[in-house]
Amino acid sequence: MVIKNLVLLDISEPPLVLRGGSHGLAYAFPYKHKTTGVYWLKQRVPARLAASAKGKFVTVTVDELPSVVKLGEYIKVSLRTKDAYEAKRRANDAQSQFDLIWQSLTNAPARLTQRQVVALAGEVYRMFKAAEDDPGDAARWSNAAEINNRVLAGQTLFIGREYGMEKRFGPFVDLVLAKHTLRIEDDSRQRLLEQTAKAMQEATALLIRRAEGDYGSLRYGKPPPRVPRSQASACQ
């Protein structure tokens, strides 16, 4: 079998052969990093997508941990293992995600409904809400809320509201879009930016309250959550 455009770099052990992609792409092989010994997976971006894909961020999940990857000439991701057989298993899953990314970039940009906009912004909200059990200093979240308010009001020095919104909230929008391998129209992006800003304001308001000890009816009126026995023993 002739394999064109083989991607095979820094292999210190026999390569682990994977299936080809569904878009007539080169085979991808795990390769071992020379210094760390950790396996990576690398594949050339399809030629027809090279210009439009360059600089975009996508998310690839390996062993249940998401990695945000910037596309260039190649897409590459750490397989987070030094074991050759585990690398093969994880690489097959990552390759499937690569295929979905190429498909999403091939499709025309999608228009989001308002329901979809709210749902995606809700994912950003939940990212922050996950910190509510141990939010840290309230001043940190108060400062974040103040910056968010200034950007929403267009009070951004020299750069204007549109650029300020993109700079402040755009990375979170890119994160959820990459997670779902979504490519959206400009109008949908603007609506998603606005909704994400609102979601982040709600999240920071929640975290300020939590940092100040406000857990609603749970503040002082109910018993504390059960501490696992192992933690309780460590505290004695």
Protein backbone atom coordinates (compact mmCIF):
# COMPACT_ATOMS: atom_id res chain seq x y z
CA MET A 1 0.00 0.00 0.00
CA VAL A 2 1.28 3.44 -0.90
CA ILE A 3 0.69 6.04 1.78
CA LYS A 4 0.94 9.60 0.53
CA ASN A 5 2.00 12.58 2.64
CA LEU A 6 2.98 10.32 5.51
CA VAL A 7 3.27 12.15 8.81
CA LEU A 8 5.98 10.32 10.72
CA LEU A 9 8.22 12.37 13.01
CA ASP A 10 10.61 11.47 15.83
CA ILE A 11 9.59 7.82 15.95
CA SER A 12 11.78 5.91 18.36
CA GLU A 13 9.68 2.73 18.26
CA PRO A 14 7.80 0.95 15.45
CA PRO A 15 4.88 3.14 14.31
CA LEU A 16 1.33 2.35 15.37
CA VAL A 17 -0.74 2.28 12.21
CA LEU A 18 -4.14 3.95 12.24
CA ARG A 19 -6.90 3.98 9.69
CA GLY A 20 -7.01 6.78 7.16
CA GLY A 21 -9.33 9.71 7.61
CA SER A 22 -12.64 9.89 5.81
CA HIS A 23 -11.60 12.83 3.66
CA GLY A 24 -8.80 11.22 1.65
CA LEU A 25 -6.20 12.44 4.14
CA ALA A 26 -2.79 11.06 4.99
CA TYR A 27 -2.55 8.43 7.65
CA ALA A 28 -1.67 9.76 11.09
CA PHE A 29 0.75 8.04 13.42
CA PRO A 30 1.47 8.53 17.10
CA TYR A 31 5.04 9.65 17.59
CA LYS A 32 7.08 9.79 20.74
CA HIS A 33 8.45 13.12 21.91
CA LYS A 34 12.24 12.86 22.08
CA THR A 35 12.56 14.62 25.42
CA THR A 36 9.46 13.62 27.40
CA GLY A 37 8.70 10.20 25.92
CA VAL A 38 5.02 11.15 25.69
CA TYR A 39 3.17 10.16 22.52
CA TRP A 40 1.60 12.78 20.27
CA LEU A 41 -0.69 12.55 17.24
CA LYS A 42 -0.05 14.84 14.28
CA GLN A 43 -1.76 15.22 10.92
CA ARG A 44 -1.45 17.69 8.07
CA VAL A 45 -4.42 20.03 7.61
CA PRO A 46 -6.16 19.19 4.29
CA ALA A 47 -4.85 21.38 1.49
CA ARG A 48 -8.31 22.64 0.59
CA LEU A 49 -8.78 23.91 4.16
CA ALA A 50 -5.28 25.21 4.80
CA ALA A 51 -6.08 28.90 4.27
CA SER A 52 -9.42 28.99 6.09
CA ALA A 53 -8.28 26.77 8.97
CA LYS A 54 -5.02 28.54 9.78
CA GLY A 55 -5.13 30.25 13.17
CA LYS A 56 -8.45 28.74 14.24
CA PHE A 57 -8.79 27.05 17.63
CA VAL A 58 -10.36 23.63 18.01
CA THR A 59 -10.83 21.31 20.99
CA VAL A 60 -9.68 17.70 21.02
CA THR A 61 -10.48 15.56 24.05
CA VAL A 62 -7.92 12.96 25.08
CA ASP A 63 -8.55 10.68 28.05
CA GLU A 64 -11.54 12.87 29.04
CA LEU A 65 -9.36 15.99 29.19
CA PRO A 66 -9.98 18.71 26.57
CA SER A 67 -7.05 20.34 24.79
CA VAL A 68 -7.49 23.59 22.86
CA VAL A 69 -5.37 23.37 19.71
CA LYS A 70 -4.42 26.14 17.29
CA LEU A 71 -4.43 24.99 13.68
CA GLY A 72 -1.47 25.70 11.46
CA GLU A 73 0.06 23.53 8.77
CA TYR A 74 -0.69 20.58 11.04
CA ILE A 75 -3.03 19.63 13.85
CA LYS A 76 -1.29 17.91 16.74
CA VAL A 77 -2.30 16.87 20.22
CA SER A 78 -0.63 15.16 23.15
CA LEU A 79 -1.95 11.67 23.81
CA ARG A 80 -0.93 12.05 27.48
CA THR A 81 0.70 8.64 27.74
CA LYS A 82 4.10 6.96 27.34
CA ASP A 83 2.56 3.54 26.75
CA ALA A 84 2.55 2.51 23.08
CA TYR A 85 -0.65 0.45 23.23
CA GLU A 86 -2.56 3.08 25.17
CA ALA A 87 -1.31 5.66 22.67
CA LYS A 88 -2.81 3.60 19.84
CA ARG A 89 -6.19 3.47 21.57
CA ARG A 90 -6.25 7.19 22.29
CA ALA A 91 -4.97 8.05 18.84
CA ASN A 92 -7.87 6.27 17.16
CA ASP A 93 -10.31 8.35 19.18
CA ALA A 94 -8.39 11.56 18.46
CA GLN A 95 -8.34 10.74 14.75
CA SER A 96 -12.13 10.49 14.78
CA GLN A 97 -12.24 13.96 16.30
CA PHE A 98 -9.82 15.24 13.63
CA ASP A 99 -12.25 13.95 10.98
CA LEU A 100 -15.13 15.85 12.60
CA ILE A 101 -13.06 19.02 12.66
CA TRP A 102 -12.31 18.76 8.94
CA GLN A 103 -15.99 18.16 8.26
CA SER A 104 -17.04 21.20 10.31
CA LEU A 105 -14.56 23.40 8.43
CA THR A 106 -15.86 22.08 5.11
CA ASN A 107 -19.47 22.93 5.95
CA ALA A 108 -20.86 26.41 5.42
CA PRO A 109 -20.99 28.62 8.54
CA ALA A 110 -24.10 27.88 10.57
CA ARG A 111 -26.71 30.35 11.80
CA LEU A 112 -27.54 29.83 15.46
CA THR A 113 -31.06 30.10 16.78
CA GLN A 114 -31.62 32.15 19.92
CA ARG A 115 -32.10 28.94 21.88
CA GLN A 116 -28.74 27.65 20.67
CA VAL A 117 -27.06 30.96 21.52
CA VAL A 118 -28.38 30.80 25.09
CA ALA A 119 -27.39 27.14 25.44
CA LEU A 120 -23.81 27.79 24.33
CA ALA A 121 -23.50 30.83 26.60
CA GLY A 122 -24.82 28.62 29.38
CA GLU A 123 -21.79 26.38 28.97
CA VAL A 124 -19.54 29.36 29.72
CA TYR A 125 -21.67 30.14 32.78
CA ARG A 126 -21.23 26.59 34.06
CA MET A 127 -17.46 26.79 33.59
CA PHE A 128 -17.39 29.59 36.15
CA LYS A 129 -20.14 28.19 38.36
CA ALA A 130 -17.97 25.11 38.88
CA ALA A 131 -15.81 27.28 41.18
CA GLU A 132 -18.63 28.19 43.57
CA ASP A 133 -17.67 25.69 46.30
CA ASP A 134 -14.28 27.36 46.71
CA PRO A 135 -14.33 30.68 44.80
CA GLY A 136 -11.44 32.41 46.54
CA ASP A 137 -11.31 36.15 47.18
CA ALA A 138 -14.46 38.14 46.40
CA ALA A 139 -12.30 41.07 45.23
CA ARG A 140 -11.08 38.98 42.32
CA TRP A 141 -14.60 38.46 41.03
CA SER A 142 -15.62 42.04 41.77
CA ASN A 143 -12.73 43.24 39.61
CA ALA A 144 -13.75 40.86 36.82
CA ALA A 145 -17.35 42.10 36.99
CA GLU A 146 -16.18 45.72 36.81
CA ILE A 147 -14.11 45.03 33.71
CA ASN A 148 -17.03 43.18 32.12
CA ASN A 149 -19.33 46.13 32.82
CA ARG A 150 -16.91 48.60 31.26
CA VAL A 151 -16.60 46.50 28.11
CA LEU A 152 -20.38 46.06 27.84
CA ALA A 153 -20.81 49.82 28.20
CA GLY A 154 -18.19 50.50 25.52
CA GLN A 155 -15.88 52.17 28.02
CA THR A 156 -12.75 50.65 26.51
CA LEU A 157 -9.80 52.95 26.02
CA PHE A 158 -9.07 53.52 22.31
CA ILE A 159 -10.24 50.10 21.11
CA GLY A 160 -14.04 50.58 20.93
CA ARG A 161 -16.85 48.33 22.08
CA GLU A 162 -16.79 45.82 19.22
CA TYR A 163 -13.12 45.02 19.61
CA GLY A 164 -13.41 45.12 23.38
CA MET A 165 -16.21 42.55 23.32
CA GLU A 166 -14.18 40.28 21.07
CA LYS A 167 -11.04 40.63 23.16
CA ARG A 168 -12.81 40.11 26.50
CA PHE A 169 -15.40 37.45 25.69
CA GLY A 170 -14.19 36.03 22.36
CA PRO A 171 -11.85 33.42 23.88
CA PHE A 172 -14.76 31.85 25.81
CA VAL A 173 -16.91 31.84 22.69
CA ASP A 174 -14.08 30.16 20.78
CA LEU A 175 -13.77 27.56 23.51
CA VAL A 176 -17.38 26.39 23.31
CA LEU A 177 -17.43 26.57 19.50
CA ALA A 178 -14.28 24.45 19.35
CA LYS A 179 -15.79 21.96 21.77
CA HIS A 180 -18.71 21.40 19.37
CA THR A 181 -16.61 21.86 16.19
CA LEU A 182 -18.96 24.67 15.17
CA ARG A 183 -18.33 27.31 12.53
CA ILE A 184 -20.91 30.10 12.70
CA GLU A 185 -21.99 33.19 10.79
CA ASP A 186 -20.76 36.64 11.86
CA ASP A 187 -24.23 37.67 13.08
CA SER A 188 -24.49 34.52 15.19
CA ARG A 189 -21.09 35.25 16.68
CA GLN A 190 -22.10 38.77 17.67
CA ARG A 191 -25.24 37.48 19.38
CA LEU A 192 -23.24 34.76 21.11
CA LEU A 193 -20.71 37.34 22.33
CA GLU A 194 -23.49 39.43 23.85
CA GLN A 195 -25.13 36.44 25.51
CA THR A 196 -21.80 35.13 26.80
CA ALA A 197 -21.10 38.52 28.36
CA LYS A 198 -24.43 38.34 30.20
CA ALA A 199 -23.72 34.78 31.31
CA MET A 200 -20.31 35.77 32.66
CA GLN A 201 -21.84 38.67 34.57
CA GLU A 202 -24.34 36.33 36.18
CA ALA A 203 -21.54 33.91 37.01
CA THR A 204 -19.31 36.58 38.58
CA ALA A 205 -22.25 37.88 40.64
CA LEU A 206 -22.81 34.35 41.91
CA LEU A 207 -19.15 33.87 42.76
CA ILE A 208 -18.99 37.17 44.63
CA ARG A 209 -21.87 36.01 46.82
CA ARG A 210 -20.24 32.63 47.37
CA ALA A 211 -16.88 34.22 48.22
CA GLU A 212 -18.66 36.34 50.84
CA GLY A 213 -20.18 33.22 52.39
CA ASP A 214 -23.64 33.55 50.89
CA TYR A 215 -24.92 30.12 49.97
CA GLY A 216 -28.57 31.06 50.31
CA SER A 217 -30.48 28.88 52.77
CA LEU A 218 -27.35 26.80 53.25
CA ARG A 219 -25.33 29.63 54.75
CA TYR A 220 -25.79 28.83 58.44
CA GLY A 221 -29.18 27.18 58.68
CA LYS A 222 -28.22 23.63 57.74
CA PRO A 223 -25.50 21.19 58.77
CA PRO A 224 -22.24 21.37 56.79
CA PRO A 225 -21.67 18.89 53.97
CA ARG A 226 -20.27 15.56 55.07
CA VAL A 227 -16.49 15.43 54.96
CA PRO A 228 -15.11 12.15 53.60
CA ARG A 229 -13.57 10.03 56.35
CA SER A 230 -10.11 10.18 54.78
CA GLN A 231 -10.19 14.00 54.84
CA ALA A 232 -11.59 14.11 58.36
CA SER A 233 -8.78 11.86 59.61
CA ALA A 234 -6.19 14.07 57.95
CA CYS A 235 -7.54 17.10 59.80
CA GLN A 236 -7.20 15.50 63.26
